[in-house]
Amino acid sequence: MPIQKVTINSTDVDRSVDFYTRHLDARVIGEATKDRALLDFVTATLEVRAVSPSPSSWLPDDLQLGFRHIGFKVDRVDPRAEMLKAVGVPFHLDPLDAEGGVRICFFFDPDGTLLEFVEGDLQYAAVFDSDGVAAERALGVPERPRLDHVAVTVRDRAATEAFFSPLGFSLIGTIEQPNDPRGFRIAYLKSGDTVLEIFTYNAEKQPREPQLDAPGFSHVVLAGSRAPDKAVHVDGTGVLADPNGLPFALRAGTAS
């Protein structure tokens, strides 16, 4: 599975582990410490790393390039949203029926990482890979939330598709947003059991430099050992970034 792991930064690892195990049915892998925890979400893992509180330049505005949110497929959105609201979890978008025949909601984890619940199978406006769509639907209704996708805003869909193609991602379908005045479209690049959800807009977009140590999303770990063309190193670390500023690392084998 090309998305092996998503790494997020937390100012309190114990609090984050409690949040994800209590509200998203995550399962802890190994032993959680004050500095790190690894959580199982069926199709990929979520790593929680300890960081000190610091300002983040990430904005909950999809016109900002790079990382947007982490999506989890669930059995039913509304009961889960009600439980989150009952304990005061902040919401970005209440449950609603979205384009593509799915029901969704958006909320924040304790360090401001934007998360999405998705119920149902997407009904694509255009299908480019029927086998990929069939494989996606064959996963069925999850017994507990499974990591489904990482969403990214990009400048150009075709260029993004070409960038991630060497890592095994291919376009399976698109969704149109005809009522959005910003010229919003979504494309889905799938490999294995997970997806990169690609946002494009006609409206002007704002760049963002990766922040690997700020609270919230840090980077995604993808299967592979050879960096795609146009990837750049971030702060001299083993983390790379795509041309839109999405930080990612490459790793062969199983993430840990």
Protein backbone atom coordinates (compact mmCIF):
# COMPACT_ATOMS: atom_id res chain seq x y z
CA MET A 1 0.00 0.00 0.00
CA PRO A 2 1.75 3.18 -1.13
CA ILE A 3 0.44 5.30 1.73
CA GLN A 4 2.11 3.35 4.49
CA LYS A 5 1.93 5.92 7.24
CA VAL A 6 0.83 9.46 8.02
CA THR A 7 2.90 11.33 10.60
CA ILE A 8 1.34 14.03 12.74
CA ASN A 9 2.91 16.19 15.44
CA SER A 10 1.36 16.46 18.86
CA THR A 11 2.00 18.69 21.85
CA ASP A 12 0.68 15.89 24.09
CA VAL A 13 1.06 12.34 22.76
CA ASP A 14 -1.05 10.81 25.55
CA ARG A 15 -3.90 13.18 24.72
CA SER A 16 -3.65 12.38 21.01
CA VAL A 17 -3.61 8.63 21.61
CA ASP A 18 -6.69 8.96 23.80
CA PHE A 19 -8.43 11.01 21.10
CA TYR A 20 -7.71 8.61 18.26
CA THR A 21 -8.37 5.41 20.20
CA ARG A 22 -11.53 6.69 21.88
CA HIS A 23 -13.15 8.53 18.95
CA LEU A 24 -11.68 6.84 15.85
CA ASP A 25 -11.22 3.29 17.19
CA ALA A 26 -7.49 3.29 16.49
CA ARG A 27 -5.42 0.42 17.83
CA VAL A 28 -2.03 1.09 19.39
CA ILE A 29 0.85 -0.84 17.84
CA GLY A 30 3.59 -1.72 20.30
CA GLU A 31 4.14 0.56 23.27
CA ALA A 32 3.17 4.22 23.23
CA THR A 33 5.58 6.60 24.94
CA LYS A 34 5.57 10.30 25.78
CA ASP A 35 7.49 10.90 22.56
CA ARG A 36 5.83 8.61 20.03
CA ALA A 37 2.90 6.32 19.33
CA LEU A 38 1.97 4.25 16.30
CA LEU A 39 -1.72 3.69 15.59
CA ASP A 40 -3.33 1.15 13.29
CA PHE A 41 -6.08 2.33 10.92
CA VAL A 42 -6.59 -0.87 8.92
CA THR A 43 -5.08 0.23 5.58
CA ALA A 44 -2.24 2.38 6.96
CA THR A 45 -0.80 3.62 10.23
CA LEU A 46 -0.80 7.01 11.91
CA GLU A 47 2.34 8.02 13.77
CA VAL A 48 2.00 10.58 16.57
CA ARG A 49 5.23 12.42 17.42
CA ALA A 50 5.87 14.79 20.31
CA VAL A 51 6.73 18.41 19.47
CA SER A 52 6.82 21.65 21.43
CA PRO A 53 3.99 24.16 20.93
CA SER A 54 4.79 26.52 18.05
CA PRO A 55 2.91 28.53 15.43
CA SER A 56 1.72 26.71 12.32
CA SER A 57 1.25 28.37 8.93
CA TRP A 58 -1.38 25.82 7.89
CA LEU A 59 -4.80 27.34 7.24
CA PRO A 60 -8.21 25.63 6.97
CA ASP A 61 -8.58 27.13 3.50
CA ASP A 62 -8.44 24.76 0.54
CA LEU A 63 -6.91 27.47 -1.64
CA GLN A 64 -3.68 26.96 0.33
CA LEU A 65 -1.42 24.54 -1.56
CA GLY A 66 -0.26 21.30 -0.01
CA PHE A 67 -1.83 19.18 2.72
CA ARG A 68 -5.56 19.65 3.34
CA HIS A 69 -6.88 16.80 5.48
CA ILE A 70 -6.78 13.10 6.36
CA GLY A 71 -9.88 11.14 5.36
CA PHE A 72 -11.25 8.08 7.12
CA LYS A 73 -13.94 5.82 5.68
CA VAL A 74 -16.59 4.96 8.30
CA ASP A 75 -19.77 2.93 8.60
CA ARG A 76 -22.03 5.90 9.45
CA VAL A 77 -21.07 9.56 9.73
CA ASP A 78 -23.90 11.00 11.82
CA PRO A 79 -23.66 8.85 14.98
CA ARG A 80 -19.90 9.35 15.05
CA ALA A 81 -20.27 13.10 14.57
CA GLU A 82 -22.81 13.27 17.38
CA MET A 83 -20.39 11.53 19.74
CA LEU A 84 -17.61 13.97 18.80
CA LYS A 85 -19.87 16.98 19.31
CA ALA A 86 -21.01 15.64 22.69
CA VAL A 87 -17.45 15.89 24.03
CA GLY A 88 -16.71 19.27 22.47
CA VAL A 89 -14.57 18.29 19.48
CA PRO A 90 -14.38 21.36 17.19
CA PHE A 91 -15.99 20.93 13.76
CA HIS A 92 -15.01 22.51 10.45
CA LEU A 93 -18.05 21.18 8.57
CA ASP A 94 -21.15 19.49 9.98
CA PRO A 95 -22.41 16.27 8.37
CA LEU A 96 -23.84 16.75 4.90
CA ASP A 97 -24.51 14.91 1.65
CA ALA A 98 -21.69 15.77 -0.75
CA GLU A 99 -21.11 15.53 -4.49
CA GLY A 100 -20.45 11.94 -5.47
CA GLY A 101 -23.18 10.42 -3.32
CA VAL A 102 -21.24 10.28 -0.04
CA ARG A 103 -21.96 11.74 3.38
CA ILE A 104 -19.09 13.60 5.04
CA CYS A 105 -18.06 15.78 7.97
CA PHE A 106 -14.85 17.56 8.97
CA PHE A 107 -13.41 18.10 12.46
CA PHE A 108 -10.09 18.81 14.17
CA ASP A 109 -7.86 16.66 16.34
CA PRO A 110 -6.40 18.21 19.54
CA ASP A 111 -3.48 19.78 17.65
CA GLY A 112 -5.48 21.18 14.76
CA THR A 113 -5.09 18.42 12.17
CA LEU A 114 -8.15 18.48 9.93
CA LEU A 115 -9.87 15.09 9.70
CA GLU A 116 -12.76 13.85 7.57
CA PHE A 117 -15.28 11.05 8.00
CA VAL A 118 -16.68 9.63 4.75
CA GLU A 119 -19.69 7.30 4.49
CA GLY A 120 -20.51 5.45 1.28
CA ASP A 121 -18.89 4.69 -2.06
CA LEU A 122 -18.05 7.61 -4.32
CA GLN A 123 -20.08 7.82 -7.52
CA TYR A 124 -17.52 9.38 -9.85
CA ALA A 125 -18.52 11.91 -12.48
CA ALA A 126 -15.89 10.29 -14.75
CA VAL A 127 -14.23 6.91 -14.28
CA PHE A 128 -10.71 6.43 -15.69
CA ASP A 129 -9.88 3.05 -14.14
CA SER A 130 -12.86 0.75 -13.61
CA ASP A 131 -10.70 -1.95 -12.01
CA GLY A 132 -9.37 0.58 -9.51
CA VAL A 133 -12.88 1.71 -8.65
CA ALA A 134 -14.01 -1.91 -8.25
CA ALA A 135 -11.08 -2.62 -5.94
CA GLU A 136 -11.95 0.42 -3.86
CA ARG A 137 -15.57 -0.67 -3.47
CA ALA A 138 -14.52 -4.24 -2.68
CA LEU A 139 -13.05 -2.97 0.59
CA GLY A 140 -16.64 -2.75 1.84
CA VAL A 141 -18.07 -0.95 4.85
CA PRO A 142 -15.41 -0.74 7.56
CA GLU A 143 -16.01 -2.17 11.02
CA ARG A 144 -13.91 0.69 12.38
CA PRO A 145 -12.56 3.82 10.68
CA ARG A 146 -9.91 3.05 8.07
CA LEU A 147 -7.46 5.52 6.62
CA ASP A 148 -8.84 6.21 3.17
CA HIS A 149 -7.03 9.23 1.75
CA VAL A 150 -4.83 12.25 2.19
CA ALA A 151 -6.13 15.37 0.46
CA VAL A 152 -3.84 17.88 -1.26
CA THR A 153 -4.45 21.15 -3.10
CA VAL A 154 -2.32 21.40 -6.25
CA ARG A 155 -1.62 23.83 -9.07
CA ASP A 156 -2.05 21.32 -11.89
CA ARG A 157 -3.71 17.90 -11.82
CA ALA A 158 -1.86 16.43 -14.79
CA ALA A 159 1.52 17.45 -13.39
CA THR A 160 0.60 15.96 -10.01
CA GLU A 161 -0.51 12.73 -11.65
CA ALA A 162 2.79 12.53 -13.53
CA PHE A 163 4.76 13.21 -10.34
CA PHE A 164 3.15 10.40 -8.34
CA SER A 165 2.84 7.89 -11.18
CA PRO A 166 6.35 6.43 -10.56
CA LEU A 167 5.19 5.57 -7.04
CA GLY A 168 2.31 3.50 -8.38
CA PHE A 169 -0.52 6.04 -8.20
CA SER A 170 -3.00 6.21 -11.07
CA LEU A 171 -6.11 8.25 -11.75
CA ILE A 172 -9.28 6.25 -11.06
CA GLY A 173 -11.94 8.97 -11.20
CA THR A 174 -12.99 12.58 -10.79
CA ILE A 175 -15.74 14.51 -9.04
CA GLU A 176 -17.10 17.86 -10.24
CA GLN A 177 -18.24 20.64 -7.91
CA PRO A 178 -20.56 22.64 -10.22
CA ASN A 179 -21.86 24.94 -7.49
CA ASP A 180 -18.44 26.12 -6.31
CA PRO A 181 -17.57 29.54 -7.84
CA ARG A 182 -13.83 28.85 -7.35
CA GLY A 183 -13.81 26.25 -10.14
CA PHE A 184 -13.31 23.32 -7.77
CA ARG A 185 -12.60 19.80 -9.06
CA ILE A 186 -11.40 16.66 -7.32
CA ALA A 187 -9.33 13.81 -8.77
CA TYR A 188 -8.49 10.53 -7.07
CA LEU A 189 -5.05 8.94 -7.47
CA LYS A 190 -5.16 5.42 -6.08
CA SER A 191 -2.53 2.81 -5.33
CA GLY A 192 -3.15 -0.15 -3.08
CA ASP A 193 -5.95 0.52 -0.62
CA THR A 194 -5.36 4.25 -0.16
CA VAL A 195 -5.81 7.40 -2.21
CA LEU A 196 -4.35 10.84 -2.78
CA GLU A 197 -7.35 13.15 -3.13
CA ILE A 198 -6.29 15.97 -5.44
CA PHE A 199 -7.99 19.39 -5.24
CA THR A 200 -7.71 21.85 -8.12
CA TYR A 201 -9.17 25.36 -8.39
CA ASN A 202 -9.39 28.03 -11.04
CA ALA A 203 -9.08 30.61 -8.24
CA GLU A 204 -5.69 31.89 -7.11
CA LYS A 205 -3.90 29.65 -4.63
CA GLN A 206 -1.50 30.42 -1.81
CA PRO A 207 1.80 28.52 -1.37
CA ARG A 208 2.96 27.14 1.97
CA GLU A 209 6.41 25.99 3.00
CA PRO A 210 6.44 22.58 4.75
CA GLN A 211 6.69 22.68 8.55
CA LEU A 212 7.92 19.33 9.80
CA ASP A 213 7.97 20.28 13.49
CA ALA A 214 4.81 22.38 13.87
CA PRO A 215 1.79 20.83 15.63
CA GLY A 216 -0.53 19.04 13.22
CA PHE A 217 0.27 17.22 9.98
CA SER A 218 3.98 16.60 9.36
CA HIS A 219 4.35 14.29 6.36
CA VAL A 220 3.12 11.14 4.67
CA VAL A 221 5.21 8.00 4.17
CA LEU A 222 4.83 6.39 0.74
CA ALA A 223 6.01 3.02 -0.49
CA GLY A 224 8.99 3.38 -2.80
CA SER A 225 12.72 3.91 -2.83
CA ARG A 226 13.32 6.29 -5.75
CA ALA A 227 12.25 9.90 -5.52
CA PRO A 228 10.16 11.22 -8.41
CA ASP A 229 11.53 13.97 -10.60
CA LYS A 230 11.08 17.49 -9.17
CA ALA A 231 11.02 16.25 -5.56
CA VAL A 232 13.01 18.50 -3.22
CA HIS A 233 14.55 17.87 0.20
CA VAL A 234 13.00 19.63 3.18
CA ASP A 235 15.49 21.16 5.62
CA GLY A 236 18.16 18.62 4.66
CA THR A 237 16.16 15.74 6.19
CA GLY A 238 15.01 12.49 4.66
CA VAL A 239 11.66 14.11 3.99
CA LEU A 240 10.95 15.33 0.46
CA ALA A 241 8.28 17.65 -0.91
CA ASP A 242 6.32 17.58 -4.13
CA PRO A 243 6.03 20.77 -6.24
CA ASN A 244 2.94 21.81 -4.27
CA GLY A 245 4.64 21.56 -0.89
CA LEU A 246 3.30 18.19 0.30
CA PRO A 247 5.99 16.65 2.54
CA PHE A 248 6.54 12.93 2.08
CA ALA A 249 9.10 10.24 2.81
CA LEU A 250 9.80 7.04 0.91
CA ARG A 251 10.16 3.65 2.49
CA ALA A 252 10.21 0.13 1.13
CA GLY A 253 8.45 -2.58 3.12
CA THR A 254 6.19 -2.15 6.13
CA ALA A 255 6.01 1.18 7.94
CA SER A 256 6.97 1.29 11.60
